[in-house]
C-alpha cells in the first residue's frame, strides 16, 4: 500500500514539473522581442508534434481529433 501511495505522489510531482506552458517558460527565461517570438513558435510547433503523436496513439479521427488537438495545443501554449 505504501508503495502505491509513493508511486502516485511521485507521478503527481513529476507531471507538475513539466506542466509549464510556453508562455510561462518564455517569461521564466525573461525573453523579449524576437527571442520570445522565436521561442514561442518553436514551443508551439513542439506542442503540435506531441499532440499529434498523442492523438495517433488514441486513434482519434474527425471531430474528436480536431477537438483534442485544439485543447492539447492551447493547454501547452497557454493561450
PDB file of N, CA and C in Angstrom:
ATOM      1  N   UNK A   1       0.817  -1.185   0.000  1.00  0.00           N
ATOM      2  CA  UNK A   1       0.000   0.000   0.000  1.00  0.00           C
ATOM      3  C   UNK A   1       0.868   1.259   0.000  1.00  0.00           C
ATOM      4  N   UNK A   2       1.915   1.238   0.798  1.00  0.00           N
ATOM      5  CA  UNK A   2       2.791   2.395   0.873  1.00  0.00           C
ATOM      6  C   UNK A   2       3.491   2.632  -0.466  1.00  0.00           C
ATOM      7  N   UNK A   3       3.796   1.563  -1.182  1.00  0.00           N
ATOM      8  CA  UNK A   3       4.439   1.681  -2.488  1.00  0.00           C
ATOM      9  C   UNK A   3       3.515   2.383  -3.477  1.00  0.00           C
ATOM     10  N   UNK A   4       2.238   2.067  -3.441  1.00  0.00           N
ATOM     11  CA  UNK A   4       1.274   2.683  -4.353  1.00  0.00           C
ATOM     12  C   UNK A   4       1.149   4.177  -4.053  1.00  0.00           C
ATOM     13  N   UNK A   5       1.084   4.532  -2.798  1.00  0.00           N
ATOM     14  CA  UNK A   5       0.987   5.941  -2.413  1.00  0.00           C
ATOM     15  C   UNK A   5       2.240   6.689  -2.849  1.00  0.00           C
ATOM     16  N   UNK A   6       3.404   6.094  -2.654  1.00  0.00           N
ATOM     17  CA  UNK A   6       4.652   6.714  -3.067  1.00  0.00           C
ATOM     18  C   UNK A   6       4.689   6.897  -4.580  1.00  0.00           C
ATOM     19  N   UNK A   7       4.270   5.876  -5.333  1.00  0.00           N
ATOM     20  CA  UNK A   7       4.269   5.957  -6.795  1.00  0.00           C
ATOM     21  C   UNK A   7       3.310   7.042  -7.278  1.00  0.00           C
ATOM     22  N   UNK A   8       2.152   7.142  -6.645  1.00  0.00           N
ATOM     23  CA  UNK A   8       1.179   8.168  -7.031  1.00  0.00           C
ATOM     24  C   UNK A   8       1.729   9.561  -6.734  1.00  0.00           C
ATOM     25  N   UNK A   9       2.351   9.732  -5.594  1.00  0.00           N
ATOM     26  CA  UNK A   9       2.927  11.029  -5.237  1.00  0.00           C
ATOM     27  C   UNK A   9       4.056  11.405  -6.196  1.00  0.00           C
ATOM     28  N   UNK A  10       4.876  10.443  -6.550  1.00  0.00           N
ATOM     29  CA  UNK A  10       5.967  10.696  -7.495  1.00  0.00           C
ATOM     30  C   UNK A  10       5.423  11.083  -8.862  1.00  0.00           C
ATOM     31  N   UNK A  11       4.392  10.383  -9.328  1.00  0.00           N
ATOM     32  CA  UNK A  11       3.803  10.686 -10.631  1.00  0.00           C
ATOM     33  C   UNK A  11       3.206  12.090 -10.637  1.00  0.00           C
ATOM     34  N   UNK A  12       2.551  12.465  -9.568  1.00  0.00           N
ATOM     35  CA  UNK A  12       1.958  13.790  -9.478  1.00  0.00           C
ATOM     36  C   UNK A  12       3.036  14.860  -9.469  1.00  0.00           C
ATOM     37  N   UNK A  13       4.090  14.638  -8.729  1.00  0.00           N
ATOM     38  CA  UNK A  13       5.174  15.615  -8.644  1.00  0.00           C
ATOM     39  C   UNK A  13       5.900  15.746  -9.972  1.00  0.00           C
ATOM     40  N   UNK A  14       6.132  14.643 -10.653  1.00  0.00           N
ATOM     41  CA  UNK A  14       6.857  14.704 -11.917  1.00  0.00           C
ATOM     42  C   UNK A  14       6.007  15.307 -13.023  1.00  0.00           C
ATOM     43  N   UNK A  15       4.701  15.087 -13.002  1.00  0.00           N
ATOM     44  CA  UNK A  15       3.866  15.659 -14.044  1.00  0.00           C
ATOM     45  C   UNK A  15       3.735  17.165 -13.872  1.00  0.00           C
ATOM     46  N   UNK A  16       3.722  17.650 -12.653  1.00  0.00           N
ATOM     47  CA  UNK A  16       3.618  19.088 -12.445  1.00  0.00           C
ATOM     48  C   UNK A  16       4.916  19.798 -12.802  1.00  0.00           C
ATOM     49  N   UNK A  17       6.027  19.086 -12.789  1.00  0.00           N
ATOM     50  CA  UNK A  17       7.304  19.688 -13.151  1.00  0.00           C
ATOM     51  C   UNK A  17       7.350  20.038 -14.635  1.00  0.00           C
ATOM     52  N   UNK A  18       6.605  19.302 -15.440  1.00  0.00           N
ATOM     53  CA  UNK A  18       6.596  19.531 -16.875  1.00  0.00           C
ATOM     54  C   UNK A  18       5.339  20.247 -17.338  1.00  0.00           C
ATOM     55  N   UNK A  19       4.568  20.774 -16.410  1.00  0.00           N
ATOM     56  CA  UNK A  19       3.289  21.376 -16.744  1.00  0.00           C
ATOM     57  C   UNK A  19       3.408  22.834 -17.176  1.00  0.00           C
ATOM     58  N   UNK A  20       4.594  23.404 -17.195  1.00  0.00           N
ATOM     59  CA  UNK A  20       4.758  24.801 -17.580  1.00  0.00           C
ATOM     60  C   UNK A  20       4.342  24.994 -19.033  1.00  0.00           C
ATOM     61  N   UNK A  21       3.620  26.073 -19.275  1.00  0.00           N
ATOM     62  CA  UNK A  21       3.207  26.375 -20.639  1.00  0.00           C
ATOM     63  C   UNK A  21       4.327  27.129 -21.345  1.00  0.00           C
ATOM     64  N   UNK A  22       4.165  27.282 -22.635  1.00  0.00           N
ATOM     65  CA  UNK A  22       5.159  28.020 -23.414  1.00  0.00           C
ATOM     66  C   UNK A  22       5.278  29.460 -22.921  1.00  0.00           C
ATOM     67  N   UNK A  23       4.128  30.072 -22.621  1.00  0.00           N
ATOM     68  CA  UNK A  23       4.152  31.460 -22.129  1.00  0.00           C
ATOM     69  C   UNK A  23       4.882  31.561 -20.801  1.00  0.00           C
ATOM     70  N   UNK A  24       4.630  30.617 -19.895  1.00  0.00           N
ATOM     71  CA  UNK A  24       5.303  30.626 -18.600  1.00  0.00           C
ATOM     72  C   UNK A  24       6.796  30.412 -18.771  1.00  0.00           C
ATOM     73  N   UNK A  25       7.169  29.519 -19.688  1.00  0.00           N
ATOM     74  CA  UNK A  25       8.578  29.236 -19.937  1.00  0.00           C
ATOM     75  C   UNK A  25       9.282  30.468 -20.515  1.00  0.00           C
ATOM     76  N   UNK A  26       8.612  31.145 -21.431  1.00  0.00           N
ATOM     77  CA  UNK A  26       9.181  32.359 -22.023  1.00  0.00           C
ATOM     78  C   UNK A  26       9.378  33.434 -20.966  1.00  0.00           C
ATOM     79  N   UNK A  27       8.399  33.591 -20.100  1.00  0.00           N
ATOM     80  CA  UNK A  27       8.508  34.592 -19.029  1.00  0.00           C
ATOM     81  C   UNK A  27       9.601  34.220 -18.030  1.00  0.00           C
ATOM     82  N   UNK A  28       9.705  32.922 -17.712  1.00  0.00           N
ATOM     83  CA  UNK A  28      10.716  32.481 -16.762  1.00  0.00           C
ATOM     84  C   UNK A  28      12.128  32.705 -17.299  1.00  0.00           C
ATOM     85  N   UNK A  29      12.275  32.569 -18.604  1.00  0.00           N
ATOM     86  CA  UNK A  29      13.584  32.788 -19.224  1.00  0.00           C
ATOM     87  C   UNK A  29      13.837  34.266 -19.503  1.00  0.00           C
ATOM     88  N   UNK A  30      12.829  35.104 -19.215  1.00  0.00           N
ATOM     89  CA  UNK A  30      12.909  36.558 -19.409  1.00  0.00           C
ATOM     90  C   UNK A  30      13.277  36.916 -20.850  1.00  0.00           C
ATOM     91  N   UNK A  31      12.619  36.232 -21.797  1.00  0.00           N
ATOM     92  CA  UNK A  31      12.849  36.510 -23.206  1.00  0.00           C
ATOM     93  C   UNK A  31      11.946  37.644 -23.655  1.00  0.00           C
ATOM     94  N   UNK A  32      12.423  38.435 -24.608  1.00  0.00           N
ATOM     95  CA  UNK A  32      11.638  39.539 -25.142  1.00  0.00           C
ATOM     96  C   UNK A  32      11.937  39.700 -26.630  1.00  0.00           C
ATOM     97  N   UNK A  33      11.034  40.345 -27.329  1.00  0.00           N
ATOM     98  CA  UNK A  33      11.236  40.652 -28.738  1.00  0.00           C
ATOM     99  C   UNK A  33      11.325  39.420 -29.614  1.00  0.00           C
ATOM    100  N   UNK A  34      12.320  39.436 -30.501  1.00  0.00           N
ATOM    101  CA  UNK A  34      12.485  38.354 -31.464  1.00  0.00           C
ATOM    102  C   UNK A  34      12.790  37.020 -30.786  1.00  0.00           C
ATOM    103  N   UNK A  35      13.521  37.052 -29.695  1.00  0.00           N
ATOM    104  CA  UNK A  35      13.845  35.815 -28.976  1.00  0.00           C
ATOM    105  C   UNK A  35      12.576  35.180 -28.412  1.00  0.00           C
ATOM    106  N   UNK A  36      11.688  35.999 -27.868  1.00  0.00           N
ATOM    107  CA  UNK A  36      10.430  35.487 -27.324  1.00  0.00           C
ATOM    108  C   UNK A  36       9.552  34.928 -28.432  1.00  0.00           C
ATOM    109  N   UNK A  37       9.481  35.629 -29.545  1.00  0.00           N
ATOM    110  CA  UNK A  37       8.682  35.167 -30.681  1.00  0.00           C
ATOM    111  C   UNK A  37       9.203  33.841 -31.205  1.00  0.00           C
ATOM    112  N   UNK A  38      10.508  33.739 -31.367  1.00  0.00           N
ATOM    113  CA  UNK A  38      11.131  32.512 -31.854  1.00  0.00           C
ATOM    114  C   UNK A  38      10.881  31.354 -30.892  1.00  0.00           C
ATOM    115  N   UNK A  39      11.036  31.614 -29.606  1.00  0.00           N
ATOM    116  CA  UNK A  39      10.821  30.577 -28.601  1.00  0.00           C
ATOM    117  C   UNK A  39       9.368  30.105 -28.620  1.00  0.00           C
ATOM    118  N   UNK A  40       8.425  31.037 -28.726  1.00  0.00           N
ATOM    119  CA  UNK A  40       7.005  30.681 -28.749  1.00  0.00           C
ATOM    120  C   UNK A  40       6.663  29.843 -29.983  1.00  0.00           C
ATOM    121  N   UNK A  41       7.214  30.212 -31.148  1.00  0.00           N
ATOM    122  CA  UNK A  41       6.941  29.455 -32.374  1.00  0.00           C
ATOM    123  C   UNK A  41       7.485  28.035 -32.268  1.00  0.00           C
ATOM    124  N   UNK A  42       8.701  27.888 -31.753  1.00  0.00           N
ATOM    125  CA  UNK A  42       9.295  26.567 -31.608  1.00  0.00           C
ATOM    126  C   UNK A  42       8.530  25.742 -30.591  1.00  0.00           C
ATOM    127  N   UNK A  43       8.160  26.357 -29.491  1.00  0.00           N
ATOM    128  CA  UNK A  43       7.420  25.664 -28.443  1.00  0.00           C
ATOM    129  C   UNK A  43       6.058  25.203 -28.958  1.00  0.00           C
ATOM    130  N   UNK A  44       5.371  26.059 -29.725  1.00  0.00           N
ATOM    131  CA  UNK A  44       4.070  25.684 -30.286  1.00  0.00           C
ATOM    132  C   UNK A  44       4.216  24.546 -31.291  1.00  0.00           C
ATOM    133  N   UNK A  45       5.264  24.582 -32.107  1.00  0.00           N
ATOM    134  CA  UNK A  45       5.496  23.500 -33.068  1.00  0.00           C
ATOM    135  C   UNK A  45       5.767  22.184 -32.340  1.00  0.00           C
ATOM    136  N   UNK A  46       6.547  22.248 -31.265  1.00  0.00           N
ATOM    137  CA  UNK A  46       6.815  21.052 -30.464  1.00  0.00           C
ATOM    138  C   UNK A  46       5.527  20.522 -29.829  1.00  0.00           C
ATOM    139  N   UNK A  47       4.678  21.431 -29.369  1.00  0.00           N
ATOM    140  CA  UNK A  47       3.406  21.035 -28.760  1.00  0.00           C
ATOM    141  C   UNK A  47       2.511  20.354 -29.787  1.00  0.00           C
ATOM    142  N   UNK A  48       2.469  20.891 -31.005  1.00  0.00           N
ATOM    143  CA  UNK A  48       1.648  20.274 -32.064  1.00  0.00           C
ATOM    144  C   UNK A  48       2.137  18.873 -32.370  1.00  0.00           C
ATOM    145  N   UNK A  49       3.451  18.694 -32.439  1.00  0.00           N
ATOM    146  CA  UNK A  49       4.018  17.377 -32.714  1.00  0.00           C
ATOM    147  C   UNK A  49       3.659  16.394 -31.606  1.00  0.00           C
ATOM    148  N   UNK A  50       3.789  16.837 -30.357  1.00  0.00           N
ATOM    149  CA  UNK A  50       3.454  15.985 -29.214  1.00  0.00           C
ATOM    150  C   UNK A  50       1.973  15.630 -29.213  1.00  0.00           C
ATOM    151  N   UNK A  51       1.137  16.600 -29.503  1.00  0.00           N
ATOM    152  CA  UNK A  51      -0.308  16.370 -29.502  1.00  0.00           C
ATOM    153  C   UNK A  51      -0.731  15.455 -30.651  1.00  0.00           C
ATOM    154  N   UNK A  52      -0.082  15.582 -31.795  1.00  0.00           N
ATOM    155  CA  UNK A  52      -0.386  14.691 -32.923  1.00  0.00           C
ATOM    156  C   UNK A  52      -0.033  13.250 -32.578  1.00  0.00           C
ATOM    157  N   UNK A  53       1.110  13.053 -31.952  1.00  0.00           N
ATOM    158  CA  UNK A  53       1.511  11.708 -31.557  1.00  0.00           C
ATOM    159  C   UNK A  53       0.532  11.135 -30.530  1.00  0.00           C
ATOM    160  N   UNK A  54       0.110  11.979 -29.605  1.00  0.00           N
ATOM    161  CA  UNK A  54      -0.850  11.569 -28.587  1.00  0.00           C
ATOM    162  C   UNK A  54      -2.187  11.185 -29.232  1.00  0.00           C
ATOM    163  N   UNK A  55      -2.635  11.986 -30.207  1.00  0.00           N
ATOM    164  CA  UNK A  55      -3.892  11.710 -30.912  1.00  0.00           C
ATOM    165  C   UNK A  55      -3.812  10.415 -31.703  1.00  0.00           C
ATOM    166  N   UNK A  56      -2.666  10.199 -32.316  1.00  0.00           N
ATOM    167  CA  UNK A  56      -2.471   8.973 -33.094  1.00  0.00           C
ATOM    168  C   UNK A  56      -2.509   7.757 -32.179  1.00  0.00           C
ATOM    169  N   UNK A  57      -1.889   7.867 -31.015  1.00  0.00           N
ATOM    170  CA  UNK A  57      -1.904   6.779 -30.048  1.00  0.00           C
ATOM    171  C   UNK A  57      -3.303   6.486 -29.541  1.00  0.00           C
ATOM    172  N   UNK A  58      -4.139   7.531 -29.459  1.00  0.00           N
ATOM    173  CA  UNK A  58      -5.517   7.363 -29.002  1.00  0.00           C
ATOM    174  C   UNK A  58      -6.449   6.980 -30.150  1.00  0.00           C
ATOM    175  N   UNK A  59      -5.908   6.944 -31.378  1.00  0.00           N
ATOM    176  CA  UNK A  59      -6.650   6.585 -32.594  1.00  0.00           C
ATOM    177  C   UNK A  59      -7.874   7.476 -32.801  1.00  0.00           C
ATOM    178  N   UNK A  60      -7.660   8.784 -32.661  1.00  0.00           N
ATOM    179  CA  UNK A  60      -8.739   9.743 -32.849  1.00  0.00           C
ATOM    180  C   UNK A  60      -8.854  10.131 -34.313  1.00  0.00           C
ATOM    181  N   UNK A  61     -10.068  10.493 -34.733  1.00  0.00           N
ATOM    182  CA  UNK A  61     -10.304  10.945 -36.098  1.00  0.00           C
ATOM    183  C   UNK A  61     -11.472  11.918 -36.101  1.00  0.00           C
ATOM    184  N   UNK A  62     -11.553  12.712 -37.152  1.00  0.00           N
ATOM    185  CA  UNK A  62     -12.675  13.628 -37.331  1.00  0.00           C
ATOM    186  C   UNK A  62     -12.757  14.704 -36.267  1.00  0.00           C
ATOM    187  N   UNK A  63     -13.985  14.918 -35.774  1.00  0.00           N
ATOM    188  CA  UNK A  63     -14.236  15.976 -34.797  1.00  0.00           C
ATOM    189  C   UNK A  63     -13.483  15.724 -33.489  1.00  0.00           C
ATOM    190  N   UNK A  64     -13.372  14.479 -33.094  1.00  0.00           N
ATOM    191  CA  UNK A  64     -12.650  14.150 -31.861  1.00  0.00           C
ATOM    192  C   UNK A  64     -11.178  14.539 -31.984  1.00  0.00           C
ATOM    193  N   UNK A  65     -10.587  14.283 -33.138  1.00  0.00           N
ATOM    194  CA  UNK A  65      -9.193  14.649 -33.389  1.00  0.00           C
ATOM    195  C   UNK A  65      -9.030  16.164 -33.337  1.00  0.00           C
ATOM    196  N   UNK A  66      -9.910  16.875 -34.033  1.00  0.00           N
ATOM    197  CA  UNK A  66      -9.824  18.341 -34.059  1.00  0.00           C
ATOM    198  C   UNK A  66      -9.979  18.931 -32.662  1.00  0.00           C
ATOM    199  N   UNK A  67     -10.937  18.431 -31.910  1.00  0.00           N
ATOM    200  CA  UNK A  67     -11.172  18.926 -30.560  1.00  0.00           C
ATOM    201  C   UNK A  67      -9.973  18.657 -29.658  1.00  0.00           C
ATOM    202  N   UNK A  68      -9.444  17.446 -29.734  1.00  0.00           N
ATOM    203  CA  UNK A  68      -8.294  17.081 -28.905  1.00  0.00           C
ATOM    204  C   UNK A  68      -7.080  17.932 -29.260  1.00  0.00           C
ATOM    205  N   UNK A  69      -6.822  18.109 -30.537  1.00  0.00           N
ATOM    206  CA  UNK A  69      -5.660  18.896 -30.969  1.00  0.00           C
ATOM    207  C   UNK A  69      -5.777  20.341 -30.490  1.00  0.00           C
ATOM    208  N   UNK A  70      -6.958  20.922 -30.639  1.00  0.00           N
ATOM    209  CA  UNK A  70      -7.148  22.310 -30.230  1.00  0.00           C
ATOM    210  C   UNK A  70      -6.910  22.470 -28.723  1.00  0.00           C
ATOM    211  N   UNK A  71      -7.496  21.598 -27.933  1.00  0.00           N
ATOM    212  CA  UNK A  71      -7.349  21.700 -26.484  1.00  0.00           C
ATOM    213  C   UNK A  71      -5.919  21.409 -26.061  1.00  0.00           C
ATOM    214  N   UNK A  72      -5.317  20.388 -26.638  1.00  0.00           N
ATOM    215  CA  UNK A  72      -3.956  19.985 -26.273  1.00  0.00           C
ATOM    216  C   UNK A  72      -2.956  21.111 -26.563  1.00  0.00           C
ATOM    217  N   UNK A  73      -3.028  21.683 -27.751  1.00  0.00           N
ATOM    218  CA  UNK A  73      -2.096  22.743 -28.133  1.00  0.00           C
ATOM    219  C   UNK A  73      -2.337  23.995 -27.298  1.00  0.00           C
ATOM    220  N   UNK A  74      -3.605  24.337 -27.080  1.00  0.00           N
ATOM    221  CA  UNK A  74      -3.931  25.521 -26.278  1.00  0.00           C
ATOM    222  C   UNK A  74      -3.414  25.355 -24.844  1.00  0.00           C
ATOM    223  N   UNK A  75      -3.567  24.174 -24.274  1.00  0.00           N
ATOM    224  CA  UNK A  75      -3.068  23.919 -22.921  1.00  0.00           C
ATOM    225  C   UNK A  75      -1.548  24.015 -22.868  1.00  0.00           C
ATOM    226  N   UNK A  76      -0.874  23.503 -23.885  1.00  0.00           N
ATOM    227  CA  UNK A  76       0.582  23.512 -23.904  1.00  0.00           C
ATOM    228  C   UNK A  76       1.147  24.918 -24.111  1.00  0.00           C
ATOM    229  N   UNK A  77       0.489  25.699 -24.970  1.00  0.00           N
ATOM    230  CA  UNK A  77       0.979  27.034 -25.282  1.00  0.00           C
ATOM    231  C   UNK A  77       0.598  28.015 -24.181  1.00  0.00           C
ATOM    232  N   UNK A  78      -0.574  27.854 -23.620  1.00  0.00           N
ATOM    233  CA  UNK A  78      -1.010  28.720 -22.543  1.00  0.00           C
ATOM    234  C   UNK A  78      -1.792  29.920 -23.015  1.00  0.00           C
ATOM    235  N   UNK A  79      -2.601  29.750 -24.017  1.00  0.00           N
ATOM    236  CA  UNK A  79      -3.389  30.873 -24.533  1.00  0.00           C
ATOM    237  C   UNK A  79      -4.741  30.931 -23.925  1.00  0.00           C
TER     238      UNK A  79
END
